[in-house]
Amino acid sequence: MNRLIDILKKYDYVVVFVLLVVLSVVLMARTTYYQRSRITAWTGSMAGGWYEGVNSIGGYFGLKGENDRLAAENAELRARLAESYIDYTDSVFTVNDTVYRQRYDYTEARVIKNSWSQQNNYIIIGKGRQHGIEPDMAVISPDGIVGVVVSTTKNFAKVMPVLHSDSRNSVKVKRTGISGSLVWDGKDYRYAQVLDVPTTHQFDGGDTIVTSGLANDFPEGIPVGYVESAETLKGSGFYKVRIRLATDFNKLDHVYVINNKFRKEQQELMEGMK
């Protein structure tokens, strides 16, 4: 309070001058119509400018809020675009094999990730447990054999392809029915080897190798590859057969996961024989 009094004492002439000017303006506005109209117009203009400034500031902040709302809507719309989703269908195909009294379900899946140039390659597909995919299920392409499911999550599955050092699959020569084991030497994704084929067998050029049906994973007759050459393993009595794989793993896009509905029954029988 003392501070205020000191300021008033210091600027008393200025304060008195301002008060007199205000009093004069008021008296002029009350006594003279012209001056009152001019003062009213001036104050109205000042007030209008003030409100316009306030509205502009409010509009700026309102625009920011509108932009935030639009950005949120854009994010939601982008989330609905096709590329924001895992692209798969729930198509399941059933085949009844009247010869072997087996029933297979074929579930389509899209390849999410794929490798083919390593010693131990793997494939990730866009379907998992909620789609009925389980470990040990066979996987094929439209052209031929791919591999076997080794693990699953709710929405994905990991496949060990034939392009893996641990992969072993029972196959046979389609023309003669002679069986062998499909393996991969880790060199070229286009080729694999068939072992354990006895040298008593005679190959024809371009013989087709197919799945044997002896394992629980693959139905019989799925294309595996085509014979390129055969060499005798010294002192073994068996061939090492080089085949060109039916499936092009470099262009793998869609696959089919096979569910053998009699697999558990077959496994129980096998365990009983042990």
C-alpha atoms as a PDB file:
ATOM      1  CA  MET A   1       0.000   0.000   0.000  1.00  0.00           C
ATOM      2  CA  ASN A   2       2.822   2.381   0.862  1.00  0.00           C
ATOM      3  CA  ARG A   3       4.402   1.512  -2.460  1.00  0.00           C
ATOM      4  CA  LEU A   4       1.206   2.549  -4.271  1.00  0.00           C
ATOM      5  CA  ILE A   5       1.062   5.832  -2.351  1.00  0.00           C
ATOM      6  CA  ASP A   6       4.676   6.573  -3.242  1.00  0.00           C
ATOM      7  CA  ILE A   7       3.940   5.955  -6.952  1.00  0.00           C
ATOM      8  CA  LEU A   8       0.883   8.279  -6.861  1.00  0.00           C
ATOM      9  CA  LYS A   9       2.929  11.011  -5.180  1.00  0.00           C
ATOM     10  CA  LYS A  10       5.675  10.661  -7.752  1.00  0.00           C
ATOM     11  CA  TYR A  11       3.327  10.823 -10.771  1.00  0.00           C
ATOM     12  CA  ASP A  12       0.558  12.978  -9.283  1.00  0.00           C
ATOM     13  CA  TYR A  13       0.614  15.469 -12.182  1.00  0.00           C
ATOM     14  CA  VAL A  14       0.222  12.689 -14.731  1.00  0.00           C
ATOM     15  CA  VAL A  15      -2.629  11.098 -12.802  1.00  0.00           C
ATOM     16  CA  VAL A  16      -4.429  14.412 -12.500  1.00  0.00           C
ATOM     17  CA  PHE A  17      -3.960  15.044 -16.236  1.00  0.00           C
ATOM     18  CA  VAL A  18      -5.400  11.669 -17.180  1.00  0.00           C
ATOM     19  CA  LEU A  19      -8.389  12.134 -14.886  1.00  0.00           C
ATOM     20  CA  LEU A  20      -9.098  15.567 -16.371  1.00  0.00           C
ATOM     21  CA  VAL A  21      -8.940  14.200 -19.918  1.00  0.00           C
ATOM     22  CA  VAL A  22     -11.342  11.383 -19.039  1.00  0.00           C
ATOM     23  CA  LEU A  23     -13.711  13.853 -17.322  1.00  0.00           C
ATOM     24  CA  SER A  24     -13.608  16.156 -20.353  1.00  0.00           C
ATOM     25  CA  VAL A  25     -14.415  13.301 -22.731  1.00  0.00           C
ATOM     26  CA  VAL A  26     -17.345  12.229 -20.558  1.00  0.00           C
ATOM     27  CA  LEU A  27     -18.724  15.761 -20.377  1.00  0.00           C
ATOM     28  CA  MET A  28     -18.368  16.211 -24.139  1.00  0.00           C
ATOM     29  CA  ALA A  29     -20.138  12.912 -24.814  1.00  0.00           C
ATOM     30  CA  ARG A  30     -23.028  13.809 -22.532  1.00  0.00           C
ATOM     31  CA  THR A  31     -23.524  17.379 -23.733  1.00  0.00           C
ATOM     32  CA  THR A  32     -22.790  17.227 -27.474  1.00  0.00           C
ATOM     33  CA  TYR A  33     -24.424  14.760 -29.875  1.00  0.00           C
ATOM     34  CA  TYR A  34     -21.652  14.924 -32.492  1.00  0.00           C
ATOM     35  CA  GLN A  35     -18.833  14.260 -30.057  1.00  0.00           C
ATOM     36  CA  ARG A  36     -20.868  11.473 -28.437  1.00  0.00           C
ATOM     37  CA  SER A  37     -21.397   9.774 -31.792  1.00  0.00           C
ATOM     38  CA  ARG A  38     -17.686  10.057 -32.660  1.00  0.00           C
ATOM     39  CA  ILE A  39     -16.596   8.660 -29.297  1.00  0.00           C
ATOM     40  CA  THR A  40     -19.133   5.856 -29.547  1.00  0.00           C
ATOM     41  CA  ALA A  41     -17.861   4.947 -33.032  1.00  0.00           C
ATOM     42  CA  TRP A  42     -14.248   5.018 -31.827  1.00  0.00           C
ATOM     43  CA  THR A  43     -14.927   2.810 -28.802  1.00  0.00           C
ATOM     44  CA  GLY A  44     -16.983   0.462 -30.976  1.00  0.00           C
ATOM     45  CA  SER A  45     -14.101   0.181 -33.404  1.00  0.00           C
ATOM     46  CA  MET A  46     -11.703  -0.541 -30.567  1.00  0.00           C
ATOM     47  CA  ALA A  47     -14.041  -3.170 -29.129  1.00  0.00           C
ATOM     48  CA  GLY A  48     -14.524  -4.753 -32.551  1.00  0.00           C
ATOM     49  CA  GLY A  49     -10.773  -4.982 -33.056  1.00  0.00           C
ATOM     50  CA  TRP A  50     -10.401  -6.538 -29.628  1.00  0.00           C
ATOM     51  CA  TYR A  51     -13.067  -9.157 -30.233  1.00  0.00           C
ATOM     52  CA  GLU A  52     -11.665  -9.929 -33.683  1.00  0.00           C
ATOM     53  CA  GLY A  53      -8.270 -10.531 -32.145  1.00  0.00           C
ATOM     54  CA  VAL A  54      -9.782 -12.739 -29.479  1.00  0.00           C
ATOM     55  CA  ASN A  55     -11.730 -14.693 -32.085  1.00  0.00           C
ATOM     56  CA  SER A  56      -8.606 -15.113 -34.228  1.00  0.00           C
ATOM     57  CA  ILE A  57      -6.677 -16.504 -31.289  1.00  0.00           C
ATOM     58  CA  GLY A  58      -9.582 -18.754 -30.368  1.00  0.00           C
ATOM     59  CA  GLY A  59      -9.888 -19.839 -33.987  1.00  0.00           C
ATOM     60  CA  TYR A  60      -6.185 -20.724 -34.059  1.00  0.00           C
ATOM     61  CA  PHE A  61      -6.490 -22.965 -31.064  1.00  0.00           C
ATOM     62  CA  GLY A  62      -9.750 -24.342 -32.418  1.00  0.00           C
ATOM     63  CA  LEU A  63      -8.012 -25.097 -35.716  1.00  0.00           C
ATOM     64  CA  LYS A  64      -5.292 -26.971 -33.870  1.00  0.00           C
ATOM     65  CA  GLY A  65      -7.934 -29.068 -32.193  1.00  0.00           C
ATOM     66  CA  GLU A  66      -9.595 -29.697 -35.563  1.00  0.00           C
ATOM     67  CA  ASN A  67      -6.249 -30.725 -37.049  1.00  0.00           C
ATOM     68  CA  ASP A  68      -5.691 -33.128 -34.173  1.00  0.00           C
ATOM     69  CA  ARG A  69      -9.125 -34.613 -34.784  1.00  0.00           C
ATOM     70  CA  LEU A  70      -8.432 -35.009 -38.512  1.00  0.00           C
ATOM     71  CA  ALA A  71      -5.041 -36.587 -37.803  1.00  0.00           C
ATOM     72  CA  ALA A  72      -6.680 -39.105 -35.503  1.00  0.00           C
ATOM     73  CA  GLU A  73      -9.266 -39.893 -38.178  1.00  0.00           C
ATOM     74  CA  ASN A  74      -6.508 -40.357 -40.782  1.00  0.00           C
ATOM     75  CA  ALA A  75      -4.649 -42.723 -38.468  1.00  0.00           C
ATOM     76  CA  GLU A  76      -7.819 -44.742 -37.997  1.00  0.00           C
ATOM     77  CA  LEU A  77      -8.442 -44.844 -41.765  1.00  0.00           C
ATOM     78  CA  ARG A  78      -4.849 -45.939 -42.427  1.00  0.00           C
ATOM     79  CA  ALA A  79      -5.259 -48.692 -39.870  1.00  0.00           C
ATOM     80  CA  ARG A  80      -8.204 -49.949 -41.935  1.00  0.00           C
ATOM     81  CA  LEU A  81      -6.233 -50.125 -45.190  1.00  0.00           C
ATOM     82  CA  ALA A  82      -5.494 -53.553 -46.610  1.00  0.00           C
ATOM     83  CA  GLU A  83      -1.737 -53.288 -46.035  1.00  0.00           C
ATOM     84  CA  SER A  84      -2.343 -52.830 -42.305  1.00  0.00           C
ATOM     85  CA  TYR A  85      -3.830 -56.297 -42.024  1.00  0.00           C
ATOM     86  CA  ILE A  86      -2.521 -59.814 -42.326  1.00  0.00           C
ATOM     87  CA  ASP A  87      -3.956 -61.032 -45.572  1.00  0.00           C
ATOM     88  CA  TYR A  88      -5.431 -64.493 -45.219  1.00  0.00           C
ATOM     89  CA  THR A  89      -8.615 -66.360 -45.909  1.00  0.00           C
ATOM     90  CA  ASP A  90     -10.207 -69.079 -43.841  1.00  0.00           C
ATOM     91  CA  SER A  91     -10.504 -71.498 -46.748  1.00  0.00           C
ATOM     92  CA  VAL A  92     -10.227 -75.141 -45.735  1.00  0.00           C
ATOM     93  CA  PHE A  93     -10.375 -77.876 -48.363  1.00  0.00           C
ATOM     94  CA  THR A  94     -11.144 -81.504 -47.586  1.00  0.00           C
ATOM     95  CA  VAL A  95     -10.090 -84.498 -49.673  1.00  0.00           C
ATOM     96  CA  ASN A  96     -11.255 -88.051 -49.047  1.00  0.00           C
ATOM     97  CA  ASP A  97      -8.667 -90.656 -50.035  1.00  0.00           C
ATOM     98  CA  THR A  98     -10.735 -93.776 -50.723  1.00  0.00           C
ATOM     99  CA  VAL A  99      -7.654 -95.910 -51.411  1.00  0.00           C
ATOM    100  CA  TYR A 100      -5.994 -95.457 -48.031  1.00  0.00           C
ATOM    101  CA  ARG A 101      -9.162 -94.563 -46.102  1.00  0.00           C
ATOM    102  CA  GLN A 102      -7.509 -91.325 -44.979  1.00  0.00           C
ATOM    103  CA  ARG A 103      -9.012 -87.887 -44.812  1.00  0.00           C
ATOM    104  CA  TYR A 104      -6.913 -84.728 -45.264  1.00  0.00           C
ATOM    105  CA  ASP A 105      -7.827 -81.092 -44.667  1.00  0.00           C
ATOM    106  CA  TYR A 106      -5.981 -78.472 -46.679  1.00  0.00           C
ATOM    107  CA  THR A 107      -5.737 -74.984 -45.151  1.00  0.00           C
ATOM    108  CA  GLU A 108      -4.463 -72.166 -47.330  1.00  0.00           C
ATOM    109  CA  ALA A 109      -1.883 -69.804 -45.808  1.00  0.00           C
ATOM    110  CA  ARG A 110       0.223 -66.938 -47.066  1.00  0.00           C
ATOM    111  CA  VAL A 111       4.008 -66.895 -46.687  1.00  0.00           C
ATOM    112  CA  ILE A 112       4.990 -63.982 -44.405  1.00  0.00           C
ATOM    113  CA  LYS A 113       8.751 -64.591 -44.293  1.00  0.00           C
ATOM    114  CA  ASN A 114      10.945 -66.980 -46.218  1.00  0.00           C
ATOM    115  CA  SER A 115      14.651 -67.826 -46.463  1.00  0.00           C
ATOM    116  CA  TRP A 116      16.338 -70.113 -48.996  1.00  0.00           C
ATOM    117  CA  SER A 117      20.063 -69.237 -49.046  1.00  0.00           C
ATOM    118  CA  GLN A 118      21.151 -70.434 -45.590  1.00  0.00           C
ATOM    119  CA  GLN A 119      22.232 -73.802 -44.274  1.00  0.00           C
ATOM    120  CA  ASN A 120      19.079 -74.011 -42.135  1.00  0.00           C
ATOM    121  CA  ASN A 121      16.217 -72.104 -43.718  1.00  0.00           C
ATOM    122  CA  TYR A 122      12.759 -71.427 -42.327  1.00  0.00           C
ATOM    123  CA  ILE A 123       9.370 -70.130 -43.425  1.00  0.00           C
ATOM    124  CA  ILE A 124       6.788 -68.119 -41.457  1.00  0.00           C
ATOM    125  CA  ILE A 125       3.161 -68.411 -42.573  1.00  0.00           C
ATOM    126  CA  GLY A 126       0.243 -66.171 -41.654  1.00  0.00           C
ATOM    127  CA  LYS A 127      -1.879 -68.733 -39.837  1.00  0.00           C
ATOM    128  CA  GLY A 128      -1.522 -70.401 -36.457  1.00  0.00           C
ATOM    129  CA  ARG A 129      -3.277 -72.228 -33.652  1.00  0.00           C
ATOM    130  CA  GLN A 130      -6.559 -70.351 -33.979  1.00  0.00           C
ATOM    131  CA  HIS A 131      -6.749 -71.592 -37.579  1.00  0.00           C
ATOM    132  CA  GLY A 132      -6.163 -75.211 -36.586  1.00  0.00           C
ATOM    133  CA  ILE A 133      -2.455 -75.288 -37.457  1.00  0.00           C
ATOM    134  CA  GLU A 134      -0.372 -77.625 -35.267  1.00  0.00           C
ATOM    135  CA  PRO A 135       3.254 -78.840 -35.203  1.00  0.00           C
ATOM    136  CA  ASP A 136       4.145 -81.774 -37.480  1.00  0.00           C
ATOM    137  CA  MET A 137       1.554 -80.844 -40.091  1.00  0.00           C
ATOM    138  CA  ALA A 138       2.799 -81.139 -43.673  1.00  0.00           C
ATOM    139  CA  VAL A 139       3.073 -78.063 -45.898  1.00  0.00           C
ATOM    140  CA  ILE A 140       2.965 -78.060 -49.692  1.00  0.00           C
ATOM    141  CA  SER A 141       2.853 -75.477 -52.483  1.00  0.00           C
ATOM    142  CA  PRO A 142       0.729 -75.606 -55.634  1.00  0.00           C
ATOM    143  CA  ASP A 143       3.785 -77.230 -57.277  1.00  0.00           C
ATOM    144  CA  GLY A 144       4.983 -79.692 -54.659  1.00  0.00           C
ATOM    145  CA  ILE A 145       6.462 -80.402 -51.239  1.00  0.00           C
ATOM    146  CA  VAL A 146       7.538 -77.528 -48.951  1.00  0.00           C
ATOM    147  CA  GLY A 147       8.170 -78.782 -45.416  1.00  0.00           C
ATOM    148  CA  VAL A 148       6.716 -79.478 -41.966  1.00  0.00           C
ATOM    149  CA  VAL A 149       5.294 -77.160 -39.275  1.00  0.00           C
ATOM    150  CA  VAL A 150       7.625 -77.083 -36.259  1.00  0.00           C
ATOM    151  CA  SER A 151       6.012 -74.472 -33.982  1.00  0.00           C
ATOM    152  CA  THR A 152       2.948 -72.230 -33.812  1.00  0.00           C
ATOM    153  CA  THR A 153       1.578 -69.115 -32.140  1.00  0.00           C
ATOM    154  CA  LYS A 154      -1.998 -67.877 -32.159  1.00  0.00           C
ATOM    155  CA  ASN A 155      -1.733 -66.307 -35.624  1.00  0.00           C
ATOM    156  CA  PHE A 156       1.487 -67.652 -37.150  1.00  0.00           C
ATOM    157  CA  ALA A 157       3.393 -70.880 -37.733  1.00  0.00           C
ATOM    158  CA  LYS A 158       7.048 -71.687 -38.371  1.00  0.00           C
ATOM    159  CA  VAL A 159       7.808 -74.221 -41.075  1.00  0.00           C
ATOM    160  CA  MET A 160      11.006 -76.216 -41.514  1.00  0.00           C
ATOM    161  CA  PRO A 161      11.328 -76.562 -45.306  1.00  0.00           C
ATOM    162  CA  VAL A 162      13.171 -79.297 -47.129  1.00  0.00           C
ATOM    163  CA  LEU A 163      15.945 -76.680 -47.451  1.00  0.00           C
ATOM    164  CA  HIS A 164      17.155 -77.483 -43.921  1.00  0.00           C
ATOM    165  CA  SER A 165      19.995 -79.704 -42.716  1.00  0.00           C
ATOM    166  CA  ASP A 166      17.670 -81.527 -40.293  1.00  0.00           C
ATOM    167  CA  SER A 167      14.948 -82.173 -42.865  1.00  0.00           C
ATOM    168  CA  ARG A 168      14.285 -85.835 -43.743  1.00  0.00           C
ATOM    169  CA  ASN A 169      11.324 -86.948 -45.805  1.00  0.00           C
ATOM    170  CA  SER A 170      10.332 -90.304 -47.212  1.00  0.00           C
ATOM    171  CA  VAL A 171      10.016 -90.193 -50.999  1.00  0.00           C
ATOM    172  CA  LYS A 172       9.874 -92.632 -53.904  1.00  0.00           C
ATOM    173  CA  VAL A 173      10.369 -92.852 -57.641  1.00  0.00           C
ATOM    174  CA  LYS A 174       6.910 -92.447 -59.120  1.00  0.00           C
ATOM    175  CA  ARG A 175       7.539 -94.834 -62.025  1.00  0.00           C
ATOM    176  CA  THR A 176       8.865 -97.768 -59.987  1.00  0.00           C
ATOM    177  CA  GLY A 177       7.839 -97.127 -56.384  1.00  0.00           C
ATOM    178  CA  ILE A 178      11.436 -97.471 -55.108  1.00  0.00           C
ATOM    179  CA  SER A 179      11.764 -95.493 -51.851  1.00  0.00           C
ATOM    180  CA  GLY A 180      14.494 -93.181 -50.616  1.00  0.00           C
ATOM    181  CA  SER A 181      15.180 -90.272 -48.243  1.00  0.00           C
ATOM    182  CA  LEU A 182      15.038 -86.641 -49.307  1.00  0.00           C
ATOM    183  CA  VAL A 183      17.864 -84.475 -47.900  1.00  0.00           C
ATOM    184  CA  TRP A 184      19.499 -81.124 -48.713  1.00  0.00           C
ATOM    185  CA  ASP A 185      23.214 -80.367 -48.876  1.00  0.00           C
ATOM    186  CA  GLY A 186      22.815 -76.635 -48.152  1.00  0.00           C
ATOM    187  CA  LYS A 187      24.162 -75.448 -51.501  1.00  0.00           C
ATOM    188  CA  ASP A 188      21.496 -74.596 -54.075  1.00  0.00           C
ATOM    189  CA  TYR A 189      17.839 -74.011 -53.189  1.00  0.00           C
ATOM    190  CA  ARG A 190      16.801 -75.382 -56.566  1.00  0.00           C
ATOM    191  CA  TYR A 191      18.207 -78.864 -55.953  1.00  0.00           C
ATOM    192  CA  ALA A 192      18.140 -81.608 -53.316  1.00  0.00           C
ATOM    193  CA  GLN A 193      19.368 -85.193 -52.968  1.00  0.00           C
ATOM    194  CA  VAL A 194      17.642 -88.528 -52.584  1.00  0.00           C
ATOM    195  CA  LEU A 195      19.638 -91.145 -50.634  1.00  0.00           C
ATOM    196  CA  ASP A 196      19.175 -94.834 -49.836  1.00  0.00           C
ATOM    197  CA  VAL A 197      18.036 -95.771 -53.340  1.00  0.00           C
ATOM    198  CA  PRO A 198      19.624 -99.173 -54.139  1.00  0.00           C
ATOM    199  CA  THR A 199      21.899 -99.404 -57.152  1.00  0.00           C
ATOM    200  CA  THR A 200      19.804-102.278 -58.443  1.00  0.00           C
ATOM    201  CA  HIS A 201      17.293 -99.658 -59.556  1.00  0.00           C
ATOM    202  CA  GLN A 202      17.572 -98.217 -63.049  1.00  0.00           C
ATOM    203  CA  PHE A 203      16.651 -94.572 -63.632  1.00  0.00           C
ATOM    204  CA  ASP A 204      15.090 -93.120 -66.735  1.00  0.00           C
ATOM    205  CA  GLY A 205      15.859 -89.561 -67.758  1.00  0.00           C
ATOM    206  CA  GLY A 206      13.610 -87.119 -65.934  1.00  0.00           C
ATOM    207  CA  ASP A 207      12.107 -89.640 -63.500  1.00  0.00           C
ATOM    208  CA  THR A 208       9.667 -87.952 -61.098  1.00  0.00           C
ATOM    209  CA  ILE A 209      10.166 -88.154 -57.326  1.00  0.00           C
ATOM    210  CA  VAL A 210       7.030 -87.984 -55.162  1.00  0.00           C
ATOM    211  CA  THR A 211       6.163 -88.421 -51.495  1.00  0.00           C
ATOM    212  CA  SER A 212       5.912 -92.075 -50.511  1.00  0.00           C
ATOM    213  CA  GLY A 213       3.019 -91.845 -48.068  1.00  0.00           C
ATOM    214  CA  LEU A 214       4.998 -93.967 -45.572  1.00  0.00           C
ATOM    215  CA  ALA A 215       5.295 -91.091 -43.106  1.00  0.00           C
ATOM    216  CA  ASN A 216       2.335 -89.522 -41.333  1.00  0.00           C
ATOM    217  CA  ASP A 217       3.071 -86.024 -42.605  1.00  0.00           C
ATOM    218  CA  PHE A 218       2.463 -86.088 -46.359  1.00  0.00           C
ATOM    219  CA  PRO A 219      -0.143 -87.888 -48.443  1.00  0.00           C
ATOM    220  CA  GLU A 220       1.253 -90.169 -51.107  1.00  0.00           C
ATOM    221  CA  GLY A 221       2.087 -88.785 -54.539  1.00  0.00           C
ATOM    222  CA  ILE A 222       2.879 -85.120 -53.757  1.00  0.00           C
ATOM    223  CA  PRO A 223       5.473 -83.938 -56.333  1.00  0.00           C
ATOM    224  CA  VAL A 224       8.980 -83.550 -54.881  1.00  0.00           C
ATOM    225  CA  GLY A 225      11.278 -83.122 -57.867  1.00  0.00           C
ATOM    226  CA  TYR A 226      12.764 -84.481 -61.080  1.00  0.00           C
ATOM    227  CA  VAL A 227      15.892 -86.613 -61.417  1.00  0.00           C
ATOM    228  CA  GLU A 228      18.899 -84.774 -62.854  1.00  0.00           C
ATOM    229  CA  SER A 229      21.614 -87.354 -62.219  1.00  0.00           C
ATOM    230  CA  ALA A 230      22.528 -90.363 -60.077  1.00  0.00           C
ATOM    231  CA  GLU A 231      25.944 -91.419 -58.817  1.00  0.00           C
ATOM    232  CA  THR A 232      26.897 -94.567 -56.919  1.00  0.00           C
ATOM    233  CA  LEU A 233      28.235 -94.074 -53.419  1.00  0.00           C
ATOM    234  CA  LYS A 234      31.350 -96.209 -53.360  1.00  0.00           C
ATOM    235  CA  GLY A 235      31.029 -99.373 -51.325  1.00  0.00           C
ATOM    236  CA  SER A 236      27.482 -98.634 -50.158  1.00  0.00           C
ATOM    237  CA  GLY A 237      25.271-100.236 -52.789  1.00  0.00           C
ATOM    238  CA  PHE A 238      23.148 -97.051 -52.921  1.00  0.00           C
ATOM    239  CA  TYR A 239      22.758 -94.071 -55.201  1.00  0.00           C
ATOM    240  CA  LYS A 240      23.072 -90.401 -54.413  1.00  0.00           C
ATOM    241  CA  VAL A 241      20.418 -88.912 -56.669  1.00  0.00           C
ATOM    242  CA  ARG A 242      20.409 -85.223 -57.551  1.00  0.00           C
ATOM    243  CA  ILE A 243      16.924 -83.846 -58.193  1.00  0.00           C
ATOM    244  CA  ARG A 244      15.555 -80.497 -59.280  1.00  0.00           C
ATOM    245  CA  LEU A 245      12.895 -79.524 -56.727  1.00  0.00           C
ATOM    246  CA  ALA A 246       9.330 -79.055 -57.955  1.00  0.00           C
ATOM    247  CA  THR A 247       8.790 -76.057 -55.666  1.00  0.00           C
ATOM    248  CA  ASP A 248      10.605 -72.807 -56.432  1.00  0.00           C
ATOM    249  CA  PHE A 249      11.374 -71.552 -52.916  1.00  0.00           C
ATOM    250  CA  ASN A 250      12.552 -68.205 -54.245  1.00  0.00           C
ATOM    251  CA  LYS A 251       9.015 -67.440 -55.476  1.00  0.00           C
ATOM    252  CA  LEU A 252       7.023 -69.055 -52.672  1.00  0.00           C
ATOM    253  CA  ASP A 253       3.894 -67.019 -51.909  1.00  0.00           C
ATOM    254  CA  HIS A 254       1.007 -69.265 -50.855  1.00  0.00           C
ATOM    255  CA  VAL A 255       1.099 -72.719 -49.293  1.00  0.00           C
ATOM    256  CA  TYR A 256      -1.327 -75.375 -48.074  1.00  0.00           C
ATOM    257  CA  VAL A 257      -1.105 -76.894 -44.612  1.00  0.00           C
ATOM    258  CA  ILE A 258      -2.270 -80.521 -44.502  1.00  0.00           C
ATOM    259  CA  ASN A 259      -4.084 -81.969 -41.532  1.00  0.00           C
ATOM    260  CA  ASN A 260      -4.086 -85.766 -41.447  1.00  0.00           C
ATOM    261  CA  LYS A 261      -7.094 -86.535 -39.267  1.00  0.00           C
ATOM    262  CA  PHE A 262      -5.834 -90.063 -38.622  1.00  0.00           C
ATOM    263  CA  ARG A 263      -2.349 -88.965 -37.608  1.00  0.00           C
ATOM    264  CA  LYS A 264      -2.841 -89.467 -33.847  1.00  0.00           C
ATOM    265  CA  GLU A 265      -4.344 -92.895 -34.391  1.00  0.00           C
ATOM    266  CA  GLN A 266      -1.393 -93.862 -36.564  1.00  0.00           C
ATOM    267  CA  GLN A 267       1.083 -92.539 -34.000  1.00  0.00           C
ATOM    268  CA  GLU A 268      -0.577 -94.499 -31.209  1.00  0.00           C
ATOM    269  CA  LEU A 269      -0.279 -97.644 -33.301  1.00  0.00           C
ATOM    270  CA  MET A 270       3.397 -96.945 -33.991  1.00  0.00           C
ATOM    271  CA  GLU A 271       4.082 -96.356 -30.287  1.00  0.00           C
ATOM    272  CA  GLY A 272       2.377 -99.657 -29.463  1.00  0.00           C
ATOM    273  CA  MET A 273       4.646-101.486 -31.893  1.00  0.00           C
ATOM    274  CA  LYS A 274       7.717-100.108 -30.092  1.00  0.00           C
END
